[in-house]
Amino acid sequence: EHFSDLDQERYAQLKPLLWFWQMF
């Protein structure tokens, strides 16, 4: 989320899943 080249719209949908992956 700190990178300027992030596609905010695409990432917003995936962020919960990426967090789940890490926390799992």
PDB file of all heavy atoms in Angstrom:
ATOM      1  N   GLU A   1       0.809  -1.222   0.000  1.00  0.00           N
ATOM      2  CA  GLU A   1       0.000   0.000   0.000  1.00  0.00           C
ATOM      3  C   GLU A   1       0.844   1.275   0.000  1.00  0.00           C
ATOM      4  O   GLU A   1       0.325   2.358  -0.210  1.00  0.00           O
ATOM      5  CB  GLU A   1      -0.946  -0.012   1.196  1.00  0.00           C
ATOM      6  CG  GLU A   1      -1.983  -1.112   1.087  1.00  0.00           C
ATOM      7  CD  GLU A   1      -2.852  -1.214   2.309  1.00  0.00           C
ATOM      8  OE1 GLU A   1      -2.452  -1.936   3.262  1.00  0.00           O
ATOM      9  OE2 GLU A   1      -3.929  -0.583   2.317  1.00  0.00           O
ATOM     10  N   HIS A   2       2.131   1.119   0.202  1.00  0.00           N
ATOM     11  CA  HIS A   2       3.040   2.270   0.209  1.00  0.00           C
ATOM     12  C   HIS A   2       3.727   2.484  -1.145  1.00  0.00           C
ATOM     13  O   HIS A   2       4.525   3.400  -1.284  1.00  0.00           O
ATOM     14  CB  HIS A   2       4.093   2.102   1.310  1.00  0.00           C
ATOM     15  CG  HIS A   2       3.492   2.070   2.675  1.00  0.00           C
ATOM     16  ND1 HIS A   2       3.231   3.207   3.405  1.00  0.00           N
ATOM     17  CD2 HIS A   2       3.062   1.036   3.440  1.00  0.00           C
ATOM     18  CE1 HIS A   2       2.686   2.886   4.548  1.00  0.00           C
ATOM     19  NE2 HIS A   2       2.559   1.570   4.603  1.00  0.00           N
ATOM     20  N   PHE A   3       3.430   1.642  -2.133  1.00  0.00           N
ATOM     21  CA  PHE A   3       4.067   1.748  -3.447  1.00  0.00           C
ATOM     22  C   PHE A   3       3.197   2.572  -4.390  1.00  0.00           C
ATOM     23  O   PHE A   3       1.982   2.372  -4.466  1.00  0.00           O
ATOM     24  CB  PHE A   3       4.318   0.364  -4.056  1.00  0.00           C
ATOM     25  CG  PHE A   3       5.243  -0.507  -3.237  1.00  0.00           C
ATOM     26  CD1 PHE A   3       5.063  -1.866  -3.189  1.00  0.00           C
ATOM     27  CD2 PHE A   3       6.292   0.046  -2.515  1.00  0.00           C
ATOM     28  CE1 PHE A   3       5.909  -2.676  -2.444  1.00  0.00           C
ATOM     29  CE2 PHE A   3       7.147  -0.750  -1.767  1.00  0.00           C
ATOM     30  CZ  PHE A   3       6.947  -2.128  -1.734  1.00  0.00           C
ATOM     31  N   SER A   4       3.840   3.457  -5.130  1.00  0.00           N
ATOM     32  CA  SER A   4       3.101   4.373  -6.008  1.00  0.00           C
ATOM     33  C   SER A   4       2.516   3.669  -7.230  1.00  0.00           C
ATOM     34  O   SER A   4       1.565   4.166  -7.830  1.00  0.00           O
ATOM     35  CB  SER A   4       3.999   5.531  -6.445  1.00  0.00           C
ATOM     36  OG  SER A   4       5.116   5.031  -7.162  1.00  0.00           O
ATOM     37  N   ASP A   5       3.051   2.516  -7.625  1.00  0.00           N
ATOM     38  CA  ASP A   5       2.548   1.823  -8.821  1.00  0.00           C
ATOM     39  C   ASP A   5       1.406   0.849  -8.509  1.00  0.00           C
ATOM     40  O   ASP A   5       0.936   0.137  -9.389  1.00  0.00           O
ATOM     41  CB  ASP A   5       3.679   1.100  -9.552  1.00  0.00           C
ATOM     42  CG  ASP A   5       4.393   0.057  -8.706  1.00  0.00           C
ATOM     43  OD1 ASP A   5       4.190   0.032  -7.471  1.00  0.00           O
ATOM     44  OD2 ASP A   5       5.171  -0.730  -9.265  1.00  0.00           O
ATOM     45  N   LEU A   6       0.926   0.837  -7.282  1.00  0.00           N
ATOM     46  CA  LEU A   6      -0.166  -0.044  -6.873  1.00  0.00           C
ATOM     47  C   LEU A   6      -1.454   0.326  -7.613  1.00  0.00           C
ATOM     48  O   LEU A   6      -1.826   1.488  -7.673  1.00  0.00           O
ATOM     49  CB  LEU A   6      -0.398   0.088  -5.362  1.00  0.00           C
ATOM     50  CG  LEU A   6      -1.587  -0.668  -4.780  1.00  0.00           C
ATOM     51  CD1 LEU A   6      -1.321  -2.165  -4.792  1.00  0.00           C
ATOM     52  CD2 LEU A   6      -1.852  -0.203  -3.360  1.00  0.00           C
ATOM     53  N   ASP A   7      -2.128  -0.672  -8.167  1.00  0.00           N
ATOM     54  CA  ASP A   7      -3.451  -0.483  -8.759  1.00  0.00           C
ATOM     55  C   ASP A   7      -4.449  -0.589  -7.592  1.00  0.00           C
ATOM     56  O   ASP A   7      -4.816  -1.690  -7.164  1.00  0.00           O
ATOM     57  CB  ASP A   7      -3.714  -1.555  -9.811  1.00  0.00           C
ATOM     58  CG  ASP A   7      -5.063  -1.421 -10.493  1.00  0.00           C
ATOM     59  OD1 ASP A   7      -6.021  -0.920  -9.860  1.00  0.00           O
ATOM     60  OD2 ASP A   7      -5.160  -1.846 -11.661  1.00  0.00           O
ATOM     61  N   GLN A   8      -4.874   0.551  -7.072  1.00  0.00           N
ATOM     62  CA  GLN A   8      -5.696   0.609  -5.872  1.00  0.00           C
ATOM     63  C   GLN A   8      -6.973  -0.228  -5.984  1.00  0.00           C
ATOM     64  O   GLN A   8      -7.354  -0.928  -5.047  1.00  0.00           O
ATOM     65  CB  GLN A   8      -6.072   2.069  -5.550  1.00  0.00           C
ATOM     66  CG  GLN A   8      -4.910   2.941  -5.190  1.00  0.00           C
ATOM     67  CD  GLN A   8      -4.384   2.692  -3.789  1.00  0.00           C
ATOM     68  OE1 GLN A   8      -5.052   2.097  -2.949  1.00  0.00           O
ATOM     69  NE2 GLN A   8      -3.172   3.141  -3.536  1.00  0.00           N
ATOM     70  N   GLU A   9      -7.632  -0.152  -7.117  1.00  0.00           N
ATOM     71  CA  GLU A   9      -8.902  -0.856  -7.286  1.00  0.00           C
ATOM     72  C   GLU A   9      -8.713  -2.374  -7.262  1.00  0.00           C
ATOM     73  O   GLU A   9      -9.439  -3.094  -6.583  1.00  0.00           O
ATOM     74  CB  GLU A   9      -9.576  -0.416  -8.592  1.00  0.00           C
ATOM     75  CG  GLU A   9     -10.982  -0.943  -8.735  1.00  0.00           C
ATOM     76  CD  GLU A   9     -11.669  -0.380  -9.967  1.00  0.00           C
ATOM     77  OE1 GLU A   9     -11.441   0.807 -10.291  1.00  0.00           O
ATOM     78  OE2 GLU A   9     -12.423  -1.138 -10.587  1.00  0.00           O
ATOM     79  N   ARG A  10      -7.727  -2.855  -8.017  1.00  0.00           N
ATOM     80  CA  ARG A  10      -7.477  -4.299  -8.035  1.00  0.00           C
ATOM     81  C   ARG A  10      -7.006  -4.791  -6.675  1.00  0.00           C
ATOM     82  O   ARG A  10      -7.410  -5.853  -6.203  1.00  0.00           O
ATOM     83  CB  ARG A  10      -6.419  -4.643  -9.091  1.00  0.00           C
ATOM     84  CG  ARG A  10      -6.932  -4.516 -10.514  1.00  0.00           C
ATOM     85  CD  ARG A  10      -5.826  -4.721 -11.516  1.00  0.00           C
ATOM     86  NE  ARG A  10      -5.544  -6.138 -11.704  1.00  0.00           N
ATOM     87  CZ  ARG A  10      -4.532  -6.591 -12.428  1.00  0.00           C
ATOM     88  NH1 ARG A  10      -3.717  -5.754 -13.046  1.00  0.00           N
ATOM     89  NH2 ARG A  10      -4.330  -7.879 -12.556  1.00  0.00           N
ATOM     90  N   TYR A  11      -6.147  -4.014  -6.037  1.00  0.00           N
ATOM     91  CA  TYR A  11      -5.576  -4.425  -4.758  1.00  0.00           C
ATOM     92  C   TYR A  11      -6.628  -4.433  -3.644  1.00  0.00           C
ATOM     93  O   TYR A  11      -6.598  -5.307  -2.775  1.00  0.00           O
ATOM     94  CB  TYR A  11      -4.414  -3.503  -4.385  1.00  0.00           C
ATOM     95  CG  TYR A  11      -3.627  -4.006  -3.204  1.00  0.00           C
ATOM     96  CD1 TYR A  11      -2.708  -5.036  -3.344  1.00  0.00           C
ATOM     97  CD2 TYR A  11      -3.804  -3.464  -1.942  1.00  0.00           C
ATOM     98  CE1 TYR A  11      -1.985  -5.510  -2.261  1.00  0.00           C
ATOM     99  CE2 TYR A  11      -3.092  -3.929  -0.848  1.00  0.00           C
ATOM    100  CZ  TYR A  11      -2.175  -4.947  -1.021  1.00  0.00           C
ATOM    101  OH  TYR A  11      -1.471  -5.416   0.058  1.00  0.00           O
ATOM    102  N   ALA A  12      -7.546  -3.493  -3.663  1.00  0.00           N
ATOM    103  CA  ALA A  12      -8.568  -3.415  -2.610  1.00  0.00           C
ATOM    104  C   ALA A  12      -9.335  -4.725  -2.492  1.00  0.00           C
ATOM    105  O   ALA A  12      -9.639  -5.187  -1.384  1.00  0.00           O
ATOM    106  CB  ALA A  12      -9.524  -2.258  -2.877  1.00  0.00           C
ATOM    107  N   GLN A  13      -9.629  -5.341  -3.605  1.00  0.00           N
ATOM    108  CA  GLN A  13     -10.382  -6.605  -3.611  1.00  0.00           C
ATOM    109  C   GLN A  13      -9.530  -7.759  -3.069  1.00  0.00           C
ATOM    110  O   GLN A  13     -10.049  -8.696  -2.470  1.00  0.00           O
ATOM    111  CB  GLN A  13     -10.852  -6.909  -5.030  1.00  0.00           C
ATOM    112  CG  GLN A  13     -11.795  -8.067  -5.134  1.00  0.00           C
ATOM    113  CD  GLN A  13     -12.248  -8.301  -6.565  1.00  0.00           C
ATOM    114  OE1 GLN A  13     -11.534  -7.992  -7.517  1.00  0.00           O
ATOM    115  NE2 GLN A  13     -13.431  -8.843  -6.704  1.00  0.00           N
ATOM    116  N   LEU A  14      -8.203  -7.672  -3.253  1.00  0.00           N
ATOM    117  CA  LEU A  14      -7.311  -8.761  -2.862  1.00  0.00           C
ATOM    118  C   LEU A  14      -6.720  -8.608  -1.472  1.00  0.00           C
ATOM    119  O   LEU A  14      -6.284  -9.582  -0.873  1.00  0.00           O
ATOM    120  CB  LEU A  14      -6.169  -8.885  -3.878  1.00  0.00           C
ATOM    121  CG  LEU A  14      -6.583  -9.151  -5.318  1.00  0.00           C
ATOM    122  CD1 LEU A  14      -5.360  -9.249  -6.205  1.00  0.00           C
ATOM    123  CD2 LEU A  14      -7.433 -10.399  -5.427  1.00  0.00           C
ATOM    124  N   LYS A  15      -6.680  -7.390  -0.961  1.00  0.00           N
ATOM    125  CA  LYS A  15      -6.014  -7.153   0.330  1.00  0.00           C
ATOM    126  C   LYS A  15      -6.523  -8.073   1.439  1.00  0.00           C
ATOM    127  O   LYS A  15      -5.704  -8.652   2.167  1.00  0.00           O
ATOM    128  CB  LYS A  15      -6.146  -5.688   0.747  1.00  0.00           C
ATOM    129  CG  LYS A  15      -5.496  -5.417   2.088  1.00  0.00           C
ATOM    130  CD  LYS A  15      -5.717  -4.011   2.563  1.00  0.00           C
ATOM    131  CE  LYS A  15      -5.204  -3.847   3.985  1.00  0.00           C
ATOM    132  NZ  LYS A  15      -5.497  -2.527   4.527  1.00  0.00           N
ATOM    133  N   PRO A  16      -7.841  -8.251   1.617  1.00  0.00           N
ATOM    134  CA  PRO A  16      -8.276  -9.175   2.680  1.00  0.00           C
ATOM    135  C   PRO A  16      -7.727 -10.592   2.490  1.00  0.00           C
ATOM    136  O   PRO A  16      -7.352 -11.252   3.458  1.00  0.00           O
ATOM    137  CB  PRO A  16      -9.804  -9.165   2.566  1.00  0.00           C
ATOM    138  CG  PRO A  16     -10.128  -7.875   1.904  1.00  0.00           C
ATOM    139  CD  PRO A  16      -8.985  -7.609   0.968  1.00  0.00           C
ATOM    140  N   LEU A  17      -7.635 -11.037   1.238  1.00  0.00           N
ATOM    141  CA  LEU A  17      -7.149 -12.389   0.968  1.00  0.00           C
ATOM    142  C   LEU A  17      -5.650 -12.490   1.224  1.00  0.00           C
ATOM    143  O   LEU A  17      -5.165 -13.508   1.724  1.00  0.00           O
ATOM    144  CB  LEU A  17      -7.477 -12.789  -0.467  1.00  0.00           C
ATOM    145  CG  LEU A  17      -8.947 -12.645  -0.879  1.00  0.00           C
ATOM    146  CD1 LEU A  17      -9.164 -13.133  -2.291  1.00  0.00           C
ATOM    147  CD2 LEU A  17      -9.868 -13.357   0.099  1.00  0.00           C
ATOM    148  N   LEU A  18      -4.901 -11.438   0.887  1.00  0.00           N
ATOM    149  CA  LEU A  18      -3.462 -11.416   1.156  1.00  0.00           C
ATOM    150  C   LEU A  18      -3.193 -11.417   2.662  1.00  0.00           C
ATOM    151  O   LEU A  18      -2.273 -12.082   3.144  1.00  0.00           O
ATOM    152  CB  LEU A  18      -2.815 -10.205   0.487  1.00  0.00           C
ATOM    153  CG  LEU A  18      -2.827 -10.228  -1.044  1.00  0.00           C
ATOM    154  CD1 LEU A  18      -2.470  -8.859  -1.605  1.00  0.00           C
ATOM    155  CD2 LEU A  18      -1.893 -11.302  -1.581  1.00  0.00           C
ATOM    156  N   TRP A  19      -4.016 -10.674   3.413  1.00  0.00           N
ATOM    157  CA  TRP A  19      -3.883 -10.656   4.872  1.00  0.00           C
ATOM    158  C   TRP A  19      -4.213 -12.029   5.451  1.00  0.00           C
ATOM    159  O   TRP A  19      -3.531 -12.528   6.348  1.00  0.00           O
ATOM    160  CB  TRP A  19      -4.779  -9.572   5.464  1.00  0.00           C
ATOM    161  CG  TRP A  19      -4.651  -9.421   6.946  1.00  0.00           C
ATOM    162  CD1 TRP A  19      -5.643  -9.576   7.870  1.00  0.00           C
ATOM    163  CD2 TRP A  19      -3.486  -9.074   7.690  1.00  0.00           C
ATOM    164  NE1 TRP A  19      -5.162  -9.341   9.145  1.00  0.00           N
ATOM    165  CE2 TRP A  19      -3.830  -9.040   9.057  1.00  0.00           C
ATOM    166  CE3 TRP A  19      -2.164  -8.800   7.335  1.00  0.00           C
ATOM    167  CZ2 TRP A  19      -2.911  -8.741  10.068  1.00  0.00           C
ATOM    168  CZ3 TRP A  19      -1.245  -8.506   8.345  1.00  0.00           C
ATOM    169  CH2 TRP A  19      -1.635  -8.480   9.682  1.00  0.00           C
ATOM    170  N   PHE A  20      -5.251 -12.667   4.925  1.00  0.00           N
ATOM    171  CA  PHE A  20      -5.632 -14.010   5.367  1.00  0.00           C
ATOM    172  C   PHE A  20      -4.480 -14.979   5.116  1.00  0.00           C
ATOM    173  O   PHE A  20      -4.132 -15.797   5.980  1.00  0.00           O
ATOM    174  CB  PHE A  20      -6.892 -14.438   4.620  1.00  0.00           C
ATOM    175  CG  PHE A  20      -7.694 -15.540   5.257  1.00  0.00           C
ATOM    176  CD1 PHE A  20      -7.436 -16.014   6.531  1.00  0.00           C
ATOM    177  CD2 PHE A  20      -8.757 -16.098   4.566  1.00  0.00           C
ATOM    178  CE1 PHE A  20      -8.197 -17.021   7.111  1.00  0.00           C
ATOM    179  CE2 PHE A  20      -9.526 -17.105   5.125  1.00  0.00           C
ATOM    180  CZ  PHE A  20      -9.243 -17.567   6.396  1.00  0.00           C
ATOM    181  N   TRP A  21      -3.882 -14.915   3.930  1.00  0.00           N
ATOM    182  CA  TRP A  21      -2.738 -15.762   3.559  1.00  0.00           C
ATOM    183  C   TRP A  21      -1.631 -15.603   4.597  1.00  0.00           C
ATOM    184  O   TRP A  21      -1.117 -16.583   5.133  1.00  0.00           O
ATOM    185  CB  TRP A  21      -2.257 -15.342   2.183  1.00  0.00           C
ATOM    186  CG  TRP A  21      -1.090 -16.047   1.598  1.00  0.00           C
ATOM    187  CD1 TRP A  21       0.177 -16.155   2.123  1.00  0.00           C
ATOM    188  CD2 TRP A  21      -1.036 -16.728   0.352  1.00  0.00           C
ATOM    189  NE1 TRP A  21       0.995 -16.840   1.278  1.00  0.00           N
ATOM    190  CE2 TRP A  21       0.273 -17.204   0.181  1.00  0.00           C
ATOM    191  CE3 TRP A  21      -1.976 -16.953  -0.652  1.00  0.00           C
ATOM    192  CZ2 TRP A  21       0.679 -17.902  -0.953  1.00  0.00           C
ATOM    193  CZ3 TRP A  21      -1.561 -17.650  -1.781  1.00  0.00           C
ATOM    194  CH2 TRP A  21      -0.267 -18.127  -1.925  1.00  0.00           C
ATOM    195  N   GLN A  22      -1.243 -14.355   4.879  1.00  0.00           N
ATOM    196  CA  GLN A  22      -0.154 -14.104   5.830  1.00  0.00           C
ATOM    197  C   GLN A  22      -0.496 -14.594   7.230  1.00  0.00           C
ATOM    198  O   GLN A  22       0.323 -15.238   7.896  1.00  0.00           O
ATOM    199  CB  GLN A  22       0.159 -12.608   5.890  1.00  0.00           C
ATOM    200  CG  GLN A  22       0.878 -12.084   4.689  1.00  0.00           C
ATOM    201  CD  GLN A  22       1.204 -10.603   4.836  1.00  0.00           C
ATOM    202  OE1 GLN A  22       1.297 -10.075   5.941  1.00  0.00           O
ATOM    203  NE2 GLN A  22       1.375  -9.928   3.714  1.00  0.00           N
ATOM    204  N   MET A  23      -1.683 -14.293   7.694  1.00  0.00           N
ATOM    205  CA  MET A  23      -2.066 -14.656   9.055  1.00  0.00           C
ATOM    206  C   MET A  23      -2.284 -16.162   9.200  1.00  0.00           C
ATOM    207  O   MET A  23      -2.012 -16.733  10.263  1.00  0.00           O
ATOM    208  CB  MET A  23      -3.303 -13.876   9.491  1.00  0.00           C
ATOM    209  CG  MET A  23      -3.053 -12.378   9.603  1.00  0.00           C
ATOM    210  SD  MET A  23      -1.653 -11.952  10.667  1.00  0.00           S
ATOM    211  CE  MET A  23      -2.307 -12.435  12.253  1.00  0.00           C
ATOM    212  N   PHE A  24      -2.762 -16.835   8.171  1.00  0.00           N
ATOM    213  CA  PHE A  24      -2.873 -18.289   8.184  1.00  0.00           C
ATOM    214  C   PHE A  24      -1.491 -18.891   8.373  1.00  0.00           C
ATOM    215  O   PHE A  24      -1.290 -19.764   9.218  1.00  0.00           O
ATOM    216  CB  PHE A  24      -3.513 -18.790   6.882  1.00  0.00           C
ATOM    217  CG  PHE A  24      -3.535 -20.290   6.765  1.00  0.00           C
ATOM    218  CD1 PHE A  24      -4.595 -21.023   7.275  1.00  0.00           C
ATOM    219  CD2 PHE A  24      -2.499 -20.975   6.152  1.00  0.00           C
ATOM    220  CE1 PHE A  24      -4.619 -22.408   7.168  1.00  0.00           C
ATOM    221  CE2 PHE A  24      -2.512 -22.348   6.038  1.00  0.00           C
ATOM    222  CZ  PHE A  24      -3.573 -23.074   6.552  1.00  0.00           C
TER     223      PHE A  24
END
